[in-house]
Amino acid sequence: MARHRKIQGEEIARNLNRRQLIELEACARCGECTNWCPVYAQDKRECISARGKLAMLRSMLDGSLTAEERTEFLQGLYQCSACGQCHIVCPVRINTPELWEQARYALVSAGIPQPEGQVKQLTTIKGFNNSYGKPQEERGLWAKNAWDAGFLKSLVPLWSERPSSVLYFAGCTASFDPAMQFVAVQTARLLQEAGVEFSILGSDEPCCIGKLRRMGDPAFTEEAQNRARQFDNSGVRTIIVSCAGCYKGLHSDYHSLWPGAQKVLHVTQLYEQLLHDGLLRVQQEVPLVVTYHDPCHLGRHNRIYDPPRNVLQAVPALKLVEMARHRAFSACCGMGGGLKAANPELQHKVSASRIREAEATGAQAVVTPCQTCYLGLLHGVEETSSSLKVYHLNEMLIRSVCPEVSREAIDAAFSGDQVKLK
């Protein structure tokens, strides 16, 4: 048994790069990670902390991890949102989020599968090309339904019919989740208000498959390369995304696989430029005090902090107040890294903690430009019975630019007789 563990440890080590193997030995055991980890704050087992996972992974590689410790390590590795806070505060700057994702890949490659909840989600993504198990033919229906309901100035063209300078990549959540389709509709309308010429892929739009990377699925590299080729063969040059997860996937995860990854923009970056150029005009006042939640994939992982804040500050009468933890030190909502699939109860506790921090600012609402964070924060509101409102950043712009395209109006139209969803 000991020899088997040693051989398996060597197999895992082969799938970690030299820097990561050095990082395993570089941990100073200072415990700074335990002071900041949003998950450890809710579950103080050592295996949850970065320090604990590093120590256990070292022992796993040399075959000295006991069966009980191995179970604890796997729980700690997958009950982690890979938010990257431990990387920011680490005195030796161990790149923990990348290490956790690569460790998951190495474990799976060595025959140690992910938790059951994650396996089910990965199977759905690979089987349906989306995380909702819906037919691809339905992926672009939000655009047609929005046009039929009168929310768009013109019907959004398909890329196959009218290629344009910009591709709007709506992503799985805004395409398929009825509660989140307002994000796609509002994004499209705001781009139209600014005169941006864009198209969508519709049923040809693939899942960015970033979740495969998050959970360590070995199929990620090949699937990402296939998608990169699809974009290149279609002549896509600039991709706009409204999902922070899609941004990390298409921009960061694809970076070494696809030279075009640098042409991916999060929609807040484009909004900021459009507002600066006077192409997107805010008009109505939005008298609201809000606090801003930095998505991990947009903030810590890609250092996009100012564009969304600049957009909010451009809205007349809107007041922005910061939480105690913001920007690089922003607390995670718990939805990333597969934590939600591995342990939904723990994710709810993490998001509840973030909502309590938002309440402490005295704000009326918390705003985020990530639909995954939006859903996660709603879990926190429910968990705490908070009166705090949660808004996607789009909603703040819409209220000032074209208030008739509110989330409430879209939800009512899409769920009523006005629009017949197919």
Protein backbone atom coordinates (compact mmCIF):
# COMPACT_ATOMS: atom_id res chain seq x y z
CA MET A 1 0.00 0.00 0.00
CA ALA A 2 2.83 2.39 0.90
CA ARG A 3 4.55 1.62 -2.42
CA HIS A 4 1.28 2.25 -4.29
CA ARG A 5 0.90 5.64 -2.56
CA LYS A 6 4.49 6.50 -3.47
CA ILE A 7 3.96 5.60 -7.14
CA GLN A 8 0.73 7.56 -7.25
CA GLY A 9 2.48 10.52 -5.62
CA GLU A 10 5.15 10.44 -8.31
CA GLU A 11 2.45 10.39 -10.98
CA ILE A 12 0.79 13.44 -9.44
CA ALA A 13 4.14 15.25 -9.23
CA ARG A 14 4.73 14.73 -12.96
CA ASN A 15 1.71 16.90 -13.69
CA LEU A 16 2.97 19.81 -11.57
CA ASN A 17 5.52 22.15 -13.10
CA ARG A 18 8.90 22.92 -11.57
CA ARG A 19 7.78 26.22 -10.08
CA GLN A 20 4.81 24.57 -8.39
CA LEU A 21 6.99 21.84 -6.90
CA ILE A 22 9.26 24.54 -5.50
CA GLU A 23 6.23 26.42 -4.15
CA LEU A 24 5.24 23.37 -2.12
CA GLU A 25 8.50 23.74 -0.22
CA ALA A 26 8.38 27.54 -0.08
CA CYS A 27 5.46 27.84 2.35
CA ALA A 28 6.65 29.80 5.42
CA ARG A 29 3.92 28.20 7.61
CA CYS A 30 3.16 31.71 8.89
CA GLY A 31 -0.60 31.23 8.80
CA GLU A 32 -1.35 34.56 7.12
CA CYS A 33 -3.60 32.67 4.70
CA THR A 34 -5.78 31.53 7.60
CA ASN A 35 -6.45 35.16 8.55
CA TRP A 36 -7.90 36.00 5.15
CA CYS A 37 -9.41 32.82 3.67
CA PRO A 38 -13.21 33.27 3.35
CA VAL A 39 -13.80 29.51 3.47
CA TYR A 40 -11.53 28.88 6.46
CA ALA A 41 -13.47 31.59 8.30
CA GLN A 42 -16.50 29.28 8.09
CA ASP A 43 -14.74 25.92 8.54
CA LYS A 44 -11.55 26.09 10.59
CA ARG A 45 -10.10 22.71 9.68
CA GLU A 46 -6.42 22.94 8.79
CA CYS A 47 -7.05 21.11 5.50
CA ILE A 48 -9.15 24.09 4.35
CA SER A 49 -6.28 26.58 4.74
CA ALA A 50 -3.64 27.08 2.07
CA ARG A 51 -0.99 26.15 4.63
CA GLY A 52 -2.75 22.87 5.35
CA LYS A 53 -3.32 21.98 1.70
CA LEU A 54 0.33 22.67 0.85
CA ALA A 55 1.57 20.45 3.69
CA MET A 56 -0.81 17.63 2.80
CA LEU A 57 0.02 17.81 -0.90
CA ARG A 58 3.72 17.52 -0.04
CA SER A 59 2.97 14.42 2.01
CA MET A 60 0.81 13.01 -0.76
CA LEU A 61 3.67 13.32 -3.23
CA ASP A 62 6.10 11.41 -1.02
CA GLY A 63 3.50 8.77 -0.15
CA SER A 64 3.36 9.50 3.58
CA LEU A 65 -0.24 10.75 3.71
CA THR A 66 -2.50 8.38 5.70
CA ALA A 67 -5.90 7.33 4.37
CA GLU A 68 -7.66 9.65 6.82
CA GLU A 69 -5.40 12.57 5.95
CA ARG A 70 -5.93 11.90 2.27
CA THR A 71 -9.70 12.20 2.71
CA GLU A 72 -9.22 15.48 4.57
CA PHE A 73 -6.87 16.81 1.90
CA LEU A 74 -9.33 16.05 -0.91
CA GLN A 75 -12.11 17.76 1.02
CA GLY A 76 -9.94 20.81 1.59
CA LEU A 77 -8.75 20.96 -2.01
CA TYR A 78 -12.25 20.88 -3.49
CA GLN A 79 -13.99 22.89 -0.78
CA CYS A 80 -11.94 25.87 -1.91
CA SER A 81 -13.20 28.62 -4.22
CA ALA A 82 -9.66 29.19 -5.57
CA CYS A 83 -10.36 32.89 -5.03
CA GLY A 84 -6.67 33.75 -4.80
CA GLN A 85 -6.80 35.72 -1.55
CA CYS A 86 -4.11 33.49 -0.03
CA HIS A 87 -1.87 34.32 -2.99
CA ILE A 88 -2.27 38.06 -2.39
CA VAL A 89 -1.38 37.88 1.32
CA CYS A 90 1.28 35.15 1.08
CA PRO A 91 4.68 36.65 2.04
CA VAL A 92 6.40 34.49 -0.61
CA ARG A 93 3.54 34.97 -3.11
CA ILE A 94 2.85 31.30 -3.84
CA ASN A 95 0.48 31.24 -6.83
CA THR A 96 -2.12 29.24 -4.94
CA PRO A 97 -5.14 29.50 -7.29
CA GLU A 98 -3.10 28.16 -10.19
CA LEU A 99 -1.58 25.50 -7.94
CA TRP A 100 -4.97 24.29 -6.69
CA GLU A 101 -6.34 24.01 -10.23
CA GLN A 102 -3.24 22.19 -11.45
CA ALA A 103 -3.26 19.91 -8.40
CA ARG A 104 -6.85 18.95 -9.17
CA TYR A 105 -5.81 18.16 -12.74
CA ALA A 106 -2.86 16.11 -11.48
CA LEU A 107 -5.07 14.14 -9.10
CA VAL A 108 -7.66 13.36 -11.77
CA SER A 109 -4.89 12.32 -14.17
CA ALA A 110 -3.65 9.95 -11.46
CA GLY A 111 -7.10 8.36 -11.16
CA ILE A 112 -8.48 10.33 -8.19
CA PRO A 113 -11.83 11.82 -9.31
CA GLN A 114 -13.51 15.06 -8.27
CA PRO A 115 -16.45 15.13 -5.81
CA GLU A 116 -19.69 13.68 -7.15
CA GLY A 117 -21.39 17.06 -7.53
CA GLN A 118 -18.55 18.37 -9.66
CA VAL A 119 -18.41 15.21 -11.77
CA LYS A 120 -22.11 15.64 -12.60
CA GLN A 121 -21.59 19.25 -13.61
CA LEU A 122 -18.58 18.43 -15.76
CA THR A 123 -20.49 15.63 -17.46
CA THR A 124 -23.30 18.07 -18.26
CA ILE A 125 -20.92 20.65 -19.71
CA LYS A 126 -19.17 18.12 -21.93
CA GLY A 127 -22.42 16.46 -22.98
CA PHE A 128 -24.49 19.57 -23.75
CA ASN A 129 -21.82 22.23 -24.37
CA ASN A 130 -23.35 24.23 -21.53
CA SER A 131 -23.67 23.85 -17.77
CA TYR A 132 -27.48 23.81 -17.78
CA GLY A 133 -28.11 20.68 -19.82
CA LYS A 134 -30.13 22.67 -22.36
CA PRO A 135 -30.22 22.21 -26.16
CA GLN A 136 -27.75 24.48 -27.94
CA GLU A 137 -30.58 25.59 -30.23
CA GLU A 138 -31.98 27.58 -27.29
CA ARG A 139 -28.76 29.47 -26.59
CA GLY A 140 -29.58 32.56 -28.62
CA LEU A 141 -33.32 32.73 -27.97
CA TRP A 142 -32.88 35.50 -25.41
CA ALA A 143 -32.06 37.88 -28.28
CA LYS A 144 -35.13 37.02 -30.34
CA ASN A 145 -37.39 37.17 -27.30
CA ALA A 146 -35.94 40.51 -26.27
CA TRP A 147 -36.59 41.90 -29.75
CA ASP A 148 -40.15 40.54 -29.75
CA ALA A 149 -40.76 42.18 -26.36
CA GLY A 150 -39.48 45.55 -27.57
CA PHE A 151 -36.37 45.74 -25.40
CA LEU A 152 -33.90 46.08 -28.27
CA LYS A 153 -33.54 48.83 -30.87
CA SER A 154 -32.89 46.21 -33.54
CA LEU A 155 -32.67 42.44 -33.78
CA VAL A 156 -29.19 41.27 -32.82
CA PRO A 157 -27.68 39.58 -35.89
CA LEU A 158 -26.06 36.18 -35.87
CA TRP A 159 -22.36 36.16 -36.66
CA SER A 160 -22.94 33.55 -39.38
CA GLU A 161 -25.31 35.95 -41.15
CA ARG A 162 -23.58 39.28 -40.47
CA PRO A 163 -20.06 39.21 -39.02
CA SER A 164 -19.14 42.43 -37.25
CA SER A 165 -16.20 44.05 -35.51
CA VAL A 166 -17.39 42.83 -32.10
CA LEU A 167 -18.72 39.47 -30.93
CA TYR A 168 -20.88 39.52 -27.81
CA PHE A 169 -20.29 36.23 -26.00
CA ALA A 170 -23.28 35.94 -23.63
CA GLY A 171 -22.14 32.76 -21.86
CA CYS A 172 -24.17 29.89 -20.44
CA THR A 173 -25.73 31.63 -17.44
CA ALA A 174 -27.10 34.69 -19.25
CA SER A 175 -28.23 32.50 -22.14
CA PHE A 176 -30.03 29.74 -20.27
CA ASP A 177 -30.88 30.80 -16.71
CA PRO A 178 -34.28 32.56 -16.82
CA ALA A 179 -33.32 34.58 -13.75
CA MET A 180 -30.18 35.89 -15.45
CA GLN A 181 -31.20 36.48 -19.06
CA PHE A 182 -31.76 40.13 -18.22
CA VAL A 183 -27.95 40.49 -18.18
CA ALA A 184 -27.68 39.51 -21.85
CA VAL A 185 -30.66 41.66 -22.84
CA GLN A 186 -29.37 44.74 -21.01
CA THR A 187 -25.85 44.27 -22.35
CA ALA A 188 -27.17 44.10 -25.92
CA ARG A 189 -29.35 47.19 -25.42
CA LEU A 190 -26.53 49.23 -23.88
CA LEU A 191 -24.23 48.34 -26.78
CA GLN A 192 -26.96 49.38 -29.20
CA GLU A 193 -27.48 52.66 -27.32
CA ALA A 194 -23.78 53.38 -27.81
CA GLY A 195 -23.90 52.52 -31.51
CA VAL A 196 -21.61 49.50 -31.19
CA GLU A 197 -21.93 47.11 -34.13
CA PHE A 198 -21.92 43.56 -32.80
CA SER A 199 -23.17 40.06 -33.45
CA ILE A 200 -23.77 36.90 -31.44
CA LEU A 201 -23.03 33.27 -32.25
CA GLY A 202 -26.44 32.03 -31.15
CA SER A 203 -26.60 28.25 -31.21
CA ASP A 204 -22.96 28.20 -32.37
CA GLU A 205 -21.75 29.83 -29.16
CA PRO A 206 -19.82 27.25 -27.11
CA CYS A 207 -19.40 27.05 -23.37
CA CYS A 208 -16.09 28.72 -22.46
CA ILE A 209 -15.41 25.50 -20.45
CA GLY A 210 -13.53 27.47 -17.80
CA LYS A 211 -15.16 25.21 -15.22
CA LEU A 212 -13.25 22.27 -16.65
CA ARG A 213 -10.04 24.09 -15.75
CA ARG A 214 -11.38 25.13 -12.35
CA MET A 215 -12.17 21.51 -11.43
CA GLY A 216 -9.10 19.92 -13.00
CA ASP A 217 -10.71 18.09 -15.91
CA PRO A 218 -8.02 16.76 -18.30
CA ALA A 219 -10.23 17.53 -21.31
CA PHE A 220 -9.80 21.28 -20.81
CA THR A 221 -6.77 21.86 -23.04
CA GLU A 222 -8.13 20.05 -26.08
CA GLU A 223 -11.59 21.59 -25.67
CA ALA A 224 -10.12 25.08 -25.30
CA GLN A 225 -8.00 24.63 -28.41
CA ASN A 226 -11.10 23.54 -30.34
CA ARG A 227 -12.91 26.70 -29.30
CA ALA A 228 -9.94 28.90 -30.14
CA ARG A 229 -9.87 27.39 -33.63
CA GLN A 230 -13.61 28.01 -33.94
CA PHE A 231 -13.11 31.70 -33.18
CA ASP A 232 -10.17 32.00 -35.55
CA ASN A 233 -11.94 30.15 -38.37
CA SER A 234 -14.96 32.41 -37.95
CA GLY A 235 -12.82 35.51 -38.22
CA VAL A 236 -13.66 36.70 -34.70
CA ARG A 237 -11.33 39.51 -33.66
CA THR A 238 -12.81 41.11 -30.52
CA ILE A 239 -14.95 39.31 -27.96
CA ILE A 240 -17.01 41.11 -25.32
CA VAL A 241 -18.18 39.09 -22.31
CA SER A 242 -20.55 40.05 -19.49
CA CYS A 243 -19.51 37.13 -17.28
CA ALA A 244 -16.39 37.36 -15.09
CA GLY A 245 -16.00 33.58 -15.33
CA CYS A 246 -16.09 33.70 -19.13
CA TYR A 247 -13.54 36.50 -19.02
CA LYS A 248 -11.14 34.43 -16.91
CA GLY A 249 -11.78 31.46 -19.18
CA LEU A 250 -11.43 33.08 -22.60
CA HIS A 251 -8.82 35.66 -21.59
CA SER A 252 -6.69 34.02 -18.89
CA ASP A 253 -7.13 30.25 -19.25
CA TYR A 254 -6.80 30.42 -23.04
CA HIS A 255 -3.82 32.78 -22.93
CA SER A 256 -1.12 30.18 -23.59
CA LEU A 257 -3.32 28.30 -26.08
CA TRP A 258 -4.71 31.14 -28.17
CA PRO A 259 -2.91 34.34 -29.21
CA GLY A 260 -6.31 36.01 -29.61
CA ALA A 261 -6.99 35.81 -25.88
CA GLN A 262 -5.79 39.38 -25.43
CA LYS A 263 -8.70 40.55 -27.60
CA VAL A 264 -11.25 39.51 -24.98
CA LEU A 265 -12.78 42.39 -23.00
CA HIS A 266 -15.12 42.39 -20.06
CA VAL A 267 -18.12 44.56 -20.80
CA THR A 268 -17.27 46.96 -17.95
CA GLN A 269 -14.04 47.82 -19.76
CA LEU A 270 -16.04 48.69 -22.86
CA TYR A 271 -18.67 50.63 -20.89
CA GLU A 272 -15.93 52.73 -19.33
CA GLN A 273 -14.53 53.61 -22.76
CA LEU A 274 -17.96 54.32 -24.25
CA LEU A 275 -18.81 56.64 -21.37
CA HIS A 276 -15.47 58.41 -21.69
CA ASP A 277 -15.99 58.90 -25.44
CA GLY A 278 -19.52 60.20 -24.95
CA LEU A 279 -21.05 57.36 -26.96
CA LEU A 280 -22.98 55.97 -24.00
CA ARG A 281 -24.92 58.79 -22.35
CA VAL A 282 -26.19 58.59 -18.79
CA GLN A 283 -29.23 60.78 -18.25
CA GLN A 284 -31.57 59.78 -15.42
CA GLU A 285 -30.47 60.11 -11.82
CA VAL A 286 -30.18 56.90 -9.80
CA PRO A 287 -30.38 58.08 -6.16
CA LEU A 288 -28.99 54.98 -4.52
CA VAL A 289 -26.16 54.18 -2.10
CA VAL A 290 -24.37 51.05 -3.28
CA THR A 291 -21.31 49.05 -2.37
CA TYR A 292 -19.31 47.19 -4.99
CA HIS A 293 -18.36 43.51 -4.84
CA ASP A 294 -15.19 42.63 -6.76
CA PRO A 295 -15.55 39.27 -8.55
CA CYS A 296 -12.42 37.18 -7.90
CA HIS A 297 -12.07 36.30 -11.59
CA LEU A 298 -12.23 39.94 -12.61
CA GLY A 299 -10.40 41.53 -9.69
CA ARG A 300 -7.64 39.49 -8.05
CA HIS A 301 -7.15 37.18 -11.02
CA ASN A 302 -7.08 39.89 -13.70
CA ARG A 303 -6.63 43.16 -11.78
CA ILE A 304 -9.71 44.83 -13.26
CA TYR A 305 -10.70 47.09 -10.39
CA ASP A 306 -11.19 50.60 -11.77
CA PRO A 307 -13.39 50.18 -14.89
CA PRO A 308 -16.51 48.93 -13.04
CA ARG A 309 -16.06 51.55 -10.30
CA ASN A 310 -15.63 54.30 -12.89
CA VAL A 311 -18.85 53.16 -14.57
CA LEU A 312 -20.77 53.33 -11.29
CA GLN A 313 -19.34 56.73 -10.44
CA ALA A 314 -20.48 58.04 -13.84
CA VAL A 315 -24.15 57.38 -12.98
CA PRO A 316 -25.82 60.59 -11.73
CA ALA A 317 -26.81 60.62 -8.02
CA LEU A 318 -25.37 57.14 -7.43
CA LYS A 319 -23.12 57.01 -4.35
CA LEU A 320 -20.47 54.31 -4.05
CA VAL A 321 -19.19 53.21 -0.63
CA GLU A 322 -16.54 50.56 -0.19
CA MET A 323 -16.67 47.50 2.03
CA ALA A 324 -13.87 46.94 4.54
CA ARG A 325 -12.48 44.29 2.18
CA HIS A 326 -12.34 45.49 -1.40
CA ARG A 327 -10.20 45.41 -4.52
CA ALA A 328 -7.32 42.91 -4.01
CA PHE A 329 -8.59 42.06 -0.53
CA SER A 330 -12.24 41.62 -1.50
CA ALA A 331 -13.87 38.63 0.20
CA CYS A 332 -15.11 35.91 -2.15
CA CYS A 333 -18.82 35.10 -2.48
CA GLY A 334 -17.92 31.38 -2.54
CA MET A 335 -19.29 30.55 -5.97
CA GLY A 336 -15.98 29.96 -7.74
CA GLY A 337 -13.62 27.04 -8.05
CA GLY A 338 -16.39 24.44 -7.96
CA LEU A 339 -17.10 25.06 -4.25
CA LYS A 340 -20.81 25.51 -4.92
CA ALA A 341 -20.98 22.07 -6.56
CA ALA A 342 -18.81 20.43 -3.90
CA ASN A 343 -20.46 21.93 -0.81
CA PRO A 344 -23.43 24.28 -1.37
CA GLU A 345 -24.06 24.76 2.37
CA LEU A 346 -20.52 26.04 2.85
CA GLN A 347 -20.91 28.38 -0.11
CA HIS A 348 -24.05 29.83 1.46
CA LYS A 349 -22.13 30.57 4.67
CA VAL A 350 -19.34 32.27 2.73
CA SER A 351 -21.79 34.47 0.81
CA ALA A 352 -23.70 35.27 4.01
CA SER A 353 -20.48 36.60 5.51
CA ARG A 354 -19.98 38.86 2.48
CA ILE A 355 -23.54 40.18 2.75
CA ARG A 356 -23.02 41.05 6.41
CA GLU A 357 -19.90 42.98 5.38
CA ALA A 358 -21.92 44.82 2.74
CA GLU A 359 -24.61 45.67 5.28
CA ALA A 360 -21.97 47.23 7.55
CA THR A 361 -21.35 49.95 4.95
CA GLY A 362 -24.89 51.29 5.30
CA ALA A 363 -25.46 50.79 1.57
CA GLN A 364 -28.89 50.04 0.19
CA ALA A 365 -27.57 47.56 -2.35
CA VAL A 366 -24.53 45.56 -3.38
CA VAL A 367 -23.55 45.71 -7.05
CA THR A 368 -21.39 43.26 -9.01
CA PRO A 369 -20.62 42.85 -12.74
CA CYS A 370 -20.59 39.05 -12.49
CA GLN A 371 -23.76 37.00 -12.83
CA THR A 372 -22.23 34.12 -10.86
CA CYS A 373 -21.42 36.47 -7.97
CA TYR A 374 -24.91 37.93 -8.36
CA LEU A 375 -26.43 34.50 -7.78
CA GLY A 376 -24.00 33.77 -4.96
CA LEU A 377 -24.80 37.02 -3.16
CA LEU A 378 -28.51 36.27 -3.46
CA HIS A 379 -27.81 33.05 -1.51
CA GLY A 380 -26.18 35.24 1.13
CA VAL A 381 -29.20 37.54 1.31
CA GLU A 382 -31.46 34.53 1.78
CA GLU A 383 -29.16 32.98 4.37
CA THR A 384 -29.10 36.17 6.46
CA SER A 385 -32.67 37.33 5.74
CA SER A 386 -31.10 40.63 4.70
CA SER A 387 -33.04 43.54 3.24
CA LEU A 388 -30.02 44.43 1.12
CA LYS A 389 -30.70 44.47 -2.62
CA VAL A 390 -28.37 42.75 -5.09
CA TYR A 391 -27.90 44.24 -8.55
CA HIS A 392 -25.87 43.43 -11.60
CA LEU A 393 -23.86 46.48 -12.65
CA ASN A 394 -25.86 46.60 -15.91
CA GLU A 395 -28.92 47.58 -13.91
CA MET A 396 -27.31 50.78 -12.65
CA LEU A 397 -26.49 51.91 -16.19
CA ILE A 398 -29.86 50.86 -17.56
CA ARG A 399 -31.69 52.92 -14.93
CA SER A 400 -29.85 56.00 -16.17
CA VAL A 401 -29.70 55.31 -19.91
CA CYS A 402 -32.96 53.51 -20.73
CA PRO A 403 -34.94 52.66 -17.56
CA GLU A 404 -37.68 50.91 -19.51
CA VAL A 405 -35.31 47.93 -19.94
CA SER A 406 -35.18 47.17 -16.22
CA ARG A 407 -34.63 43.72 -14.82
CA GLU A 408 -38.20 43.67 -13.53
CA ALA A 409 -39.62 44.53 -16.96
CA ILE A 410 -37.55 41.83 -18.66
CA ASP A 411 -38.45 39.21 -16.06
CA ALA A 412 -42.14 40.04 -16.37
CA ALA A 413 -42.09 39.90 -20.16
CA PHE A 414 -40.09 36.70 -20.37
CA SER A 415 -42.31 34.91 -17.87
CA GLY A 416 -45.65 36.21 -19.13
CA ASP A 417 -47.79 36.05 -22.23
CA GLN A 418 -45.92 38.82 -24.01
CA VAL A 419 -43.05 36.48 -24.93
CA LYS A 420 -43.44 32.78 -25.57
CA LEU A 421 -40.14 31.18 -24.65
CA LYS A 422 -39.36 28.20 -26.79
